[in-house]
Every structure is written in C-alpha cells, then in structure tokens.
C-alpha cells in the first residue's frame, strides 16, 4: 500500500498528527506500537486555549471537553524560603487560559475519530519493524509480513531500527527525579484556579479538572523522603501546602513516573520527521509538553499544505527546513528553560532562591510582561491558521 504519510507511535501526539493530516485529505497509515502500549493512567494534561481549539477542529465530538473545568487563573508560590512571594497569571476578561483534561479522555476522543476517518488506516506492530529507504519514498516492514510505502515517515517514539542516530543528534539526561501523579477530591474553595508551589523538594502542581476533582503532580528528587510516605502521610503533607487556599484534599490514587529529558537538535532527516516526545521530552514544571507538540503539528500541516499547493512534493527539503527553523526557538526555550528553572528552584544555596523570590515580586507588578508570558503559554501567537 502507498500513503502520503506513515506515522509510527502510539501516544497522543502521533494520533493528533494522524488526524490533522487526514482532515486535510492526506492519506495516512498510523502504525501503533503494541509492544509499548501502557495500561490506563491517571495522568492529566494542561492544554492551552489554542491547543483546545486545535483539537476541537480535528476530532468528531469536541463537546466532551466541555464537561471539564476551564482554567482562568494560575498562581505560583515559592515555599522553599520563608515568606516566599507569589504571582498570579490570568487571561483577558471573558477568556480562559485552557483546560486540564485527563489523558484517558483525550485518548478516547482521538481513538473514536481515528476509526471513523476514511483517510486513515490503522496497523499494529507486535514483534518487529524495519525501515527501507527508496529514491523518493520510505517503507516500513511490519512483523516481517507487511510492507507499506509513503512519501514521509513521522516518528513519535524512539526506535533505533527507524531512526538515523548518526544524522539526528539528541541531548538526553536522566533528571534523577520521580513525579507523583495523584488524583484528589475535595470541596474546593476556589474554582477554575490552578496552583504551582515550589517546595524545597520540588514543584507541586494543583490541576483541577472538575469542581471537586483535581490532579496533583509533584516532581521529587530521587531519594526524597516524600517518595517513601504512606498514603496518609502524603495526604497530610499536601494539605499543609493547599488546605488554606483550596481546602482539605483526599487522595484517591497515586502513580509514580520517572522523569527524563530529551531534545532533538534537528526535527528531520531524509524523509523522516520527528514529532512528540522524541522531539522534546521536557520537565513538567511548565505544563507545556503536549502544547509544544500541538504547535509542531499545526505548523507542519500548514507548511506542507503551502508547499503542496505550489506543486512541490510533501517531502520537499525546503518545507522540512522551514518547519525545523520556525519551531527551533520555541522548543529550545521551553526545553532548556524548564530544565534551568527546575535546577535554580531546587538549589540548596539561599542566594538563587532569594533571586527567584525577588524576580517573582518584580514580575507580579509588571502586567505587560505577564500578558506576554500568557500569550506564549496559551499559544495565541503560534496558532495563526486555526
């Protein structure tokens, strides 16, 4: 079979890419990696207002997202030093910053739309996969049984059989951190309001997705005493941070996830393009991981449409180069900016903490700068073609 695009992955980013291309009448083969499929998780994702709009433009039933809370304010507080400062970000009047959505809800909506789209074929890799490069095409041989061809291969997972490691350089780092993902319930004093507290052990985020349900994400250094807490101890600890502002929180379930950093210095080689976590797997401190991927996908589709309308092939190097250049600054800024921020906030030295505290005070008084940060984080300036 011949396709315009083959997408190999299995996560949310690869499914969004498949739908976005298929909605623009490209023929797509989506190959899911069955060997790495995970059980259902309690993870949630903060999606900016622009990312929500983009998802609603490609899925069949966007009304499901309306059941979840809009985020109107995000407050950050430095708790690692005495009398730490705080700052609150909010959007323009009568507008929201985005939503917190459970990953399983996003995946369910994407899966339904994928099955219904006539421009998408779905295949499953269970044992092996290898790539063959042809003059102006690429092919995948799945489980040594089926070979499929396409003009462009999009990768969203790291597979040494498909990736030219010598041609695309990566910066990778074991962050030596573990993130708690905790589902909580409570009678929240404030609605539509997310929080991030920078504790001495690591950033702790409160992410409400309904009027009485939220996710806590706490990124902790390996070896932190909190990682050994019993459920009751952990519940008591998080309430120390949140009870005054939000109310008493009751823990429903807890998951742990190892944190790693990965950044691709280049987003393409030959007929292969990188999307999703393989392009940039960043620290969750800024909550921008999937938003970066959606910006990548939106721009990639826009550029491919532009070049094909001018008569160029979908794998034209000028198109790939333009995509790479336009996404480089934003991806690098968030990837390395979040890494640096995490290191500063976890420093045992009092001077970096005092410097951050002073910076928060100054930023809180600068409405212009806060608006610029919000516009970038919500994607207003990155989604021109929605």
Protein backbone atom coordinates (compact mmCIF):
# COMPACT_ATOMS: atom_id res chain seq x y z
CA UNK A 1 0.00 0.00 0.00
CA UNK A 2 1.10 3.55 -0.76
CA UNK A 3 0.36 6.50 1.53
CA UNK A 4 1.24 10.15 1.79
CA UNK A 5 2.34 9.72 5.42
CA UNK A 6 3.20 6.85 7.72
CA UNK A 7 3.05 7.75 11.41
CA UNK A 8 4.69 5.36 13.87
CA UNK A 9 3.98 5.75 17.56
CA UNK A 10 1.16 5.02 19.92
CA UNK A 11 0.76 8.13 22.02
CA UNK A 12 -1.43 11.22 21.94
CA UNK A 13 0.93 13.27 19.74
CA UNK A 14 1.04 10.67 16.96
CA UNK A 15 -2.76 10.37 16.99
CA UNK A 16 -3.19 14.15 16.74
CA UNK A 17 -0.73 14.25 13.83
CA UNK A 18 -2.61 11.47 12.01
CA UNK A 19 -5.96 13.22 12.39
CA UNK A 20 -4.63 16.66 11.47
CA UNK A 21 -3.14 15.36 8.21
CA UNK A 22 -6.16 13.19 7.38
CA UNK A 23 -8.53 16.12 7.94
CA UNK A 24 -6.62 17.90 5.17
CA UNK A 25 -7.20 14.97 2.79
CA UNK A 26 -3.79 13.33 3.05
CA UNK A 27 -3.74 9.53 3.11
CA UNK A 28 -2.26 8.34 6.39
CA UNK A 29 -1.21 4.97 7.77
CA UNK A 30 -0.99 5.06 11.54
CA UNK A 31 1.17 2.23 12.89
CA UNK A 32 0.69 1.62 16.61
CA UNK A 33 3.47 0.05 18.63
CA UNK A 34 1.63 -2.66 20.57
CA UNK A 35 4.77 -3.71 22.46
CA UNK A 36 4.82 -0.46 24.45
CA UNK A 37 1.09 0.10 24.99
CA UNK A 38 0.51 1.13 28.60
CA UNK A 39 -2.35 0.44 30.96
CA UNK A 40 -4.77 3.28 31.65
CA UNK A 41 -3.13 6.03 33.67
CA UNK A 42 -4.38 8.78 35.99
CA UNK A 43 -2.23 11.39 34.19
CA UNK A 44 -3.76 14.71 33.15
CA UNK A 45 -2.59 17.39 30.73
CA UNK A 46 -2.91 21.15 30.80
CA UNK A 47 -3.98 22.20 27.31
CA UNK A 48 -3.80 25.88 26.41
CA UNK A 49 -6.89 27.53 24.95
CA UNK A 50 -5.28 27.43 21.49
CA UNK A 51 -4.45 23.74 21.84
CA UNK A 52 -8.05 23.04 22.86
CA UNK A 53 -9.31 24.94 19.81
CA UNK A 54 -6.98 22.95 17.57
CA UNK A 55 -8.13 19.62 18.99
CA UNK A 56 -11.77 20.64 18.60
CA UNK A 57 -11.10 21.39 14.92
CA UNK A 58 -9.90 17.84 14.17
CA UNK A 59 -11.94 15.49 16.41
CA UNK A 60 -15.52 14.42 15.72
CA UNK A 61 -17.09 15.11 19.13
CA UNK A 62 -15.42 18.06 20.88
CA UNK A 63 -18.41 18.59 23.19
CA UNK A 64 -16.95 16.01 25.59
CA UNK A 65 -14.24 18.51 26.52
CA UNK A 66 -16.88 20.99 27.74
CA UNK A 67 -17.51 18.77 30.76
CA UNK A 68 -14.16 19.77 32.19
CA UNK A 69 -13.20 22.91 34.07
CA UNK A 70 -11.84 25.99 32.32
CA UNK A 71 -8.70 27.39 33.92
CA UNK A 72 -8.98 31.14 34.41
CA UNK A 73 -6.06 31.72 36.79
CA UNK A 74 -2.71 30.11 37.58
CA UNK A 75 -0.93 31.08 40.80
CA UNK A 76 2.70 30.27 41.60
CA UNK A 77 4.24 30.48 45.05
CA UNK A 78 7.77 29.98 46.33
CA UNK A 79 7.57 27.90 49.50
CA UNK A 80 11.24 26.90 49.70
CA UNK A 81 12.17 30.06 51.65
CA UNK A 82 10.42 31.90 54.47
CA UNK A 83 7.81 34.44 53.31
CA UNK A 84 8.19 33.34 49.68
CA UNK A 85 6.48 35.55 47.12
CA UNK A 86 3.60 34.58 44.84
CA UNK A 87 2.36 35.59 41.41
CA UNK A 88 -0.97 35.05 39.65
CA UNK A 89 -1.46 34.85 35.89
CA UNK A 90 -4.86 35.38 34.31
CA UNK A 91 -6.04 35.95 30.76
CA UNK A 92 -8.04 38.76 29.18
CA UNK A 93 -11.56 39.30 30.61
CA UNK A 94 -14.13 36.72 29.42
CA UNK A 95 -11.41 34.36 28.15
CA UNK A 96 -9.72 31.30 29.62
CA UNK A 97 -6.15 30.04 29.75
CA UNK A 98 -7.09 26.48 28.88
CA UNK A 99 -8.33 23.26 30.46
CA UNK A 100 -6.99 20.38 32.50
CA UNK A 101 -8.02 17.14 30.76
CA UNK A 102 -7.45 13.53 31.86
CA UNK A 103 -5.24 11.82 29.28
CA UNK A 104 -7.68 8.92 29.02
CA UNK A 105 -10.41 11.35 27.86
CA UNK A 106 -8.16 12.87 25.19
CA UNK A 107 -7.13 9.39 24.02
CA UNK A 108 -10.74 8.18 23.88
CA UNK A 109 -11.86 11.09 21.70
CA UNK A 110 -8.88 10.71 19.39
CA UNK A 111 -9.37 6.94 19.06
CA UNK A 112 -13.02 7.37 18.06
CA UNK A 113 -12.15 9.97 15.42
CA UNK A 114 -9.27 7.87 14.06
CA UNK A 115 -11.53 4.87 13.50
CA UNK A 116 -14.14 6.94 11.67
CA UNK A 117 -11.75 8.79 9.35
CA UNK A 118 -11.66 7.24 5.87
CA UNK A 119 -8.25 8.74 5.13
CA UNK A 120 -6.59 6.75 7.94
CA UNK A 121 -5.59 3.09 8.02
CA UNK A 122 -4.51 1.70 11.40
CA UNK A 123 -1.97 -1.13 11.64
CA UNK A 124 -0.31 -2.74 14.66
CA UNK A 125 3.32 -3.66 15.19
CA UNK A 126 3.61 -6.58 17.62
CA UNK A 127 7.10 -8.04 17.05
CA UNK A 128 9.41 -6.16 14.72
CA UNK A 129 9.65 -3.18 12.42
CA UNK A 130 12.32 -2.01 10.00
CA UNK A 131 12.70 0.80 7.52
CA UNK A 132 13.70 0.69 3.87
CA UNK A 133 14.75 3.86 2.05
CA UNK A 134 13.92 4.24 -1.63
CA UNK A 135 14.68 7.01 -4.14
CA UNK A 136 11.89 9.36 -3.07
CA UNK A 137 9.91 7.23 -0.64
CA UNK A 138 10.25 5.30 2.58
CA UNK A 139 8.76 1.94 3.52
CA UNK A 140 8.17 0.06 6.76
CA UNK A 141 8.19 -3.72 7.02
CA UNK A 142 5.94 -4.71 9.93
CA UNK A 143 6.49 -8.04 11.72
CA UNK A 144 8.34 -9.25 8.58
CA UNK A 145 4.95 -9.71 6.92
CA UNK A 146 3.57 -6.46 5.56
CA UNK A 147 5.40 -3.66 3.73
CA UNK A 148 3.85 -0.22 3.38
CA UNK A 149 5.18 2.81 1.46
CA UNK A 150 4.86 6.56 2.00
CA UNK A 151 6.36 9.85 0.93
CA UNK A 152 7.04 10.90 4.55
CA UNK A 153 7.60 8.93 7.77
CA UNK A 154 6.67 10.66 11.04
CA UNK A 155 8.21 9.19 14.20
CA UNK A 156 6.91 9.91 17.70
CA UNK A 157 8.77 7.13 19.53
CA UNK A 158 12.46 6.35 19.78
CA UNK A 159 13.17 3.21 17.77
CA UNK A 160 16.78 2.53 16.78
CA UNK A 161 15.61 0.48 13.79
CA UNK A 162 13.91 3.53 12.28
CA UNK A 163 15.96 6.48 13.45
CA UNK A 164 19.22 7.62 11.91
CA UNK A 165 21.02 8.17 15.22
CA UNK A 166 24.13 9.38 13.42
CA UNK A 167 22.22 12.02 11.47
CA UNK A 168 19.94 13.45 14.17
CA UNK A 169 21.75 14.41 17.35
CA UNK A 170 19.98 14.33 20.71
CA UNK A 171 20.61 15.90 24.09
CA UNK A 172 19.40 13.49 26.75
CA UNK A 173 19.58 13.46 30.51
CA UNK A 174 18.27 11.34 33.34
CA UNK A 175 16.79 14.00 35.60
CA UNK A 176 17.12 11.70 38.60
CA UNK A 177 13.61 12.67 39.59
CA UNK A 178 10.33 10.87 40.12
CA UNK A 179 6.94 12.52 39.69
CA UNK A 180 3.94 11.67 41.82
CA UNK A 181 0.68 11.81 39.86
CA UNK A 182 -2.07 11.95 42.47
CA UNK A 183 -5.83 12.09 41.96
CA UNK A 184 -7.59 14.02 44.74
CA UNK A 185 -11.13 15.04 45.67
CA UNK A 186 -12.39 17.86 47.85
CA UNK A 187 -14.70 20.84 48.21
CA UNK A 188 -12.50 23.44 46.54
CA UNK A 189 -12.73 26.97 47.93
CA UNK A 190 -11.67 28.41 44.58
CA UNK A 191 -12.85 27.23 41.18
CA UNK A 192 -11.12 27.48 37.78
CA UNK A 193 -7.84 28.15 39.55
CA UNK A 194 -4.63 26.10 39.18
CA UNK A 195 -1.66 26.39 41.53
CA UNK A 196 2.03 25.58 41.46
CA UNK A 197 4.05 25.64 44.67
CA UNK A 198 7.83 25.48 44.51
CA UNK A 199 8.71 23.37 47.55
CA UNK A 200 12.24 22.58 48.70
CA UNK A 201 11.73 19.01 47.43
CA UNK A 202 10.39 20.02 44.03
CA UNK A 203 7.48 21.74 42.25
CA UNK A 204 3.98 20.68 43.33
CA UNK A 205 1.08 21.48 40.99
CA UNK A 206 -2.66 21.50 41.74
CA UNK A 207 -4.55 20.91 38.49
CA UNK A 208 -8.36 20.93 38.84
CA UNK A 209 -10.37 19.27 36.07
CA UNK A 210 -13.83 19.45 37.69
CA UNK A 211 -15.45 21.36 40.56
CA UNK A 212 -14.32 18.72 43.07
CA UNK A 213 -11.62 16.64 41.33
CA UNK A 214 -8.01 17.50 40.63
CA UNK A 215 -4.62 16.04 39.90
CA UNK A 216 -1.52 16.81 41.93
CA UNK A 217 1.83 16.47 40.16
CA UNK A 218 4.82 16.58 42.47
CA UNK A 219 8.27 16.30 40.88
CA UNK A 220 10.69 15.00 43.50
CA UNK A 221 14.40 14.32 43.57
CA UNK A 222 15.16 10.60 43.74
CA UNK A 223 15.83 9.81 47.37
CA UNK A 224 13.36 12.40 48.67
CA UNK A 225 11.71 11.27 51.89
CA UNK A 226 8.28 12.03 50.39
CA UNK A 227 8.69 9.12 47.95
CA UNK A 228 8.55 6.72 50.92
CA UNK A 229 5.49 8.27 52.55
CA UNK A 230 2.42 6.18 53.23
CA UNK A 231 -0.80 7.46 51.66
CA UNK A 232 -1.93 9.11 54.91
CA UNK A 233 1.44 10.84 55.37
CA UNK A 234 1.40 12.13 51.80
CA UNK A 235 -2.18 13.36 52.19
CA UNK A 236 -1.21 15.26 55.32
CA UNK A 237 1.81 16.80 53.58
CA UNK A 238 -0.04 18.09 50.51
CA UNK A 239 -2.74 19.54 52.74
CA UNK A 240 -0.06 21.54 54.54
CA UNK A 241 0.53 23.30 51.22
CA UNK A 242 -3.03 23.57 49.90
CA UNK A 243 -5.61 23.47 52.72
CA UNK A 244 -5.56 27.22 53.39
CA UNK A 245 -6.10 28.23 49.74
CA UNK A 246 -8.11 25.31 48.39
CA UNK A 247 -9.50 23.19 51.20
CA UNK A 248 -8.93 19.67 52.51
CA UNK A 249 -7.84 17.24 49.80
CA UNK A 250 -8.47 13.49 49.93
CA UNK A 251 -6.15 11.25 47.90
CA UNK A 252 -7.88 8.68 45.68
CA UNK A 253 -4.92 7.07 43.90
CA UNK A 254 -1.19 7.58 43.33
CA UNK A 255 1.14 6.79 40.43
CA UNK A 256 4.88 7.38 40.05
CA UNK A 257 6.72 8.27 36.83
CA UNK A 258 10.46 8.58 36.20
CA UNK A 259 11.47 11.89 34.61
CA UNK A 260 13.87 12.12 31.69
CA UNK A 261 14.90 14.95 29.38
CA UNK A 262 15.28 14.55 25.62
CA UNK A 263 15.78 17.19 22.95
CA UNK A 264 16.34 16.62 19.23
CA UNK A 265 18.71 19.18 17.71
CA UNK A 266 17.02 18.68 14.34
CA UNK A 267 13.43 17.64 13.57
CA UNK A 268 14.06 15.82 10.29
CA UNK A 269 16.46 13.79 8.21
CA UNK A 270 15.79 12.49 4.73
CA UNK A 271 12.11 11.56 4.53
CA UNK A 272 11.74 11.23 8.32
CA UNK A 273 10.22 13.89 10.60
CA UNK A 274 10.15 13.81 14.42
CA UNK A 275 7.05 14.69 16.46
CA UNK A 276 6.05 14.36 20.10
CA UNK A 277 8.23 13.14 22.97
CA UNK A 278 11.03 12.01 20.68
CA UNK A 279 11.42 15.64 19.55
CA UNK A 280 11.24 17.17 23.03
CA UNK A 281 10.52 15.33 26.26
CA UNK A 282 10.63 18.17 28.78
CA UNK A 283 10.28 18.69 32.53
CA UNK A 284 6.59 19.01 33.58
CA UNK A 285 7.31 22.16 35.62
CA UNK A 286 5.75 24.43 32.95
CA UNK A 287 3.00 22.04 31.83
CA UNK A 288 3.82 22.65 28.17
CA UNK A 289 4.82 19.21 26.83
CA UNK A 290 1.77 18.36 24.71
CA UNK A 291 1.18 22.02 23.85
CA UNK A 292 4.62 22.12 22.19
CA UNK A 293 3.75 19.02 20.17
CA UNK A 294 0.44 20.50 19.03
CA UNK A 295 2.26 23.68 17.93
CA UNK A 296 4.67 21.44 15.96
CA UNK A 297 1.82 19.55 14.30
CA UNK A 298 -0.19 22.67 13.48
CA UNK A 299 2.78 24.36 11.82
CA UNK A 300 3.91 21.20 10.00
CA UNK A 301 0.48 20.72 8.41
CA UNK A 302 0.32 24.41 7.48
CA UNK A 303 3.74 24.28 5.78
CA UNK A 304 3.01 21.02 3.94
CA UNK A 305 -0.25 22.49 2.61
CA UNK A 306 1.59 25.60 1.46
CA UNK A 307 4.28 23.71 -0.43
CA UNK A 308 1.97 21.12 -2.00
CA UNK A 309 -0.34 23.92 -3.20
CA UNK A 310 2.69 25.31 -5.06
CA UNK A 311 3.31 21.97 -6.75
CA UNK A 312 6.09 20.65 -4.51
CA UNK A 313 6.25 17.12 -3.10
CA UNK A 314 5.31 16.51 0.53
CA UNK A 315 8.90 15.57 1.36
CA UNK A 316 10.40 18.73 -0.11
CA UNK A 317 13.54 19.70 1.83
CA UNK A 318 12.62 23.39 1.81
CA UNK A 319 9.39 22.54 3.65
CA UNK A 320 11.19 20.43 6.24
CA UNK A 321 13.89 23.07 6.74
CA UNK A 322 11.29 25.83 7.22
CA UNK A 323 9.41 23.70 9.77
CA UNK A 324 12.61 22.97 11.68
CA UNK A 325 13.72 26.61 11.76
CA UNK A 326 10.36 28.04 12.81
CA UNK A 327 9.92 25.61 15.71
CA UNK A 328 13.52 25.64 16.94
CA UNK A 329 13.37 28.74 19.16
CA UNK A 330 10.09 27.90 20.93
CA UNK A 331 11.04 24.26 21.51
CA UNK A 332 14.52 25.12 22.77
CA UNK A 333 13.24 27.91 25.03
CA UNK A 334 10.76 25.65 26.81
CA UNK A 335 13.01 22.57 26.83
CA UNK A 336 16.07 24.22 28.34
CA UNK A 337 14.20 26.98 30.17
CA UNK A 338 12.22 24.49 32.24
CA UNK A 339 15.39 22.50 32.91
CA UNK A 340 17.22 25.59 34.16
CA UNK A 341 14.25 26.78 36.24
CA UNK A 342 14.00 23.40 37.92
CA UNK A 343 17.70 23.46 38.84
CA UNK A 344 17.51 27.00 40.24
CA UNK A 345 14.42 26.30 42.33
CA UNK A 346 15.97 23.14 43.79
CA UNK A 347 19.25 24.79 44.68
CA UNK A 348 20.32 24.41 48.32
CA UNK A 349 22.03 27.79 48.06
CA UNK A 350 19.94 30.58 49.59
CA UNK A 351 21.07 33.16 47.02
CA UNK A 352 19.38 31.60 43.94
CA UNK A 353 16.16 31.24 45.97
CA UNK A 354 16.34 34.88 47.07
CA UNK A 355 16.98 35.91 43.46
CA UNK A 356 13.91 33.96 42.27
CA UNK A 357 11.83 35.44 45.09
CA UNK A 358 12.85 38.95 44.04
CA UNK A 359 12.12 38.12 40.40
CA UNK A 360 8.62 36.91 41.27
CA UNK A 361 7.90 40.15 43.13
CA UNK A 362 9.06 42.26 40.16
CA UNK A 363 7.17 40.15 37.60
CA UNK A 364 3.95 40.26 39.62
CA UNK A 365 3.93 44.06 39.28
CA UNK A 366 4.61 44.03 35.52
CA UNK A 367 1.27 43.41 33.78
CA UNK A 368 2.75 43.82 30.29
CA UNK A 369 5.33 41.08 30.82
CA UNK A 370 2.75 38.80 32.43
CA UNK A 371 0.50 39.21 29.36
CA UNK A 372 3.39 38.30 27.05
CA UNK A 373 4.08 35.15 29.06
CA UNK A 374 0.40 34.19 28.96
CA UNK A 375 0.16 34.75 25.19
CA UNK A 376 3.13 32.48 24.62
CA UNK A 377 1.97 29.79 27.04
CA UNK A 378 -1.58 29.74 25.67
CA UNK A 379 -0.32 29.62 22.09
CA UNK A 380 -2.11 32.74 20.88
CA UNK A 381 0.86 33.79 18.77
CA UNK A 382 1.60 30.28 17.44
CA UNK A 383 -1.76 29.24 16.01
CA UNK A 384 -2.36 31.71 13.22
CA UNK A 385 -4.11 29.25 10.92
CA UNK A 386 -6.86 27.92 13.16
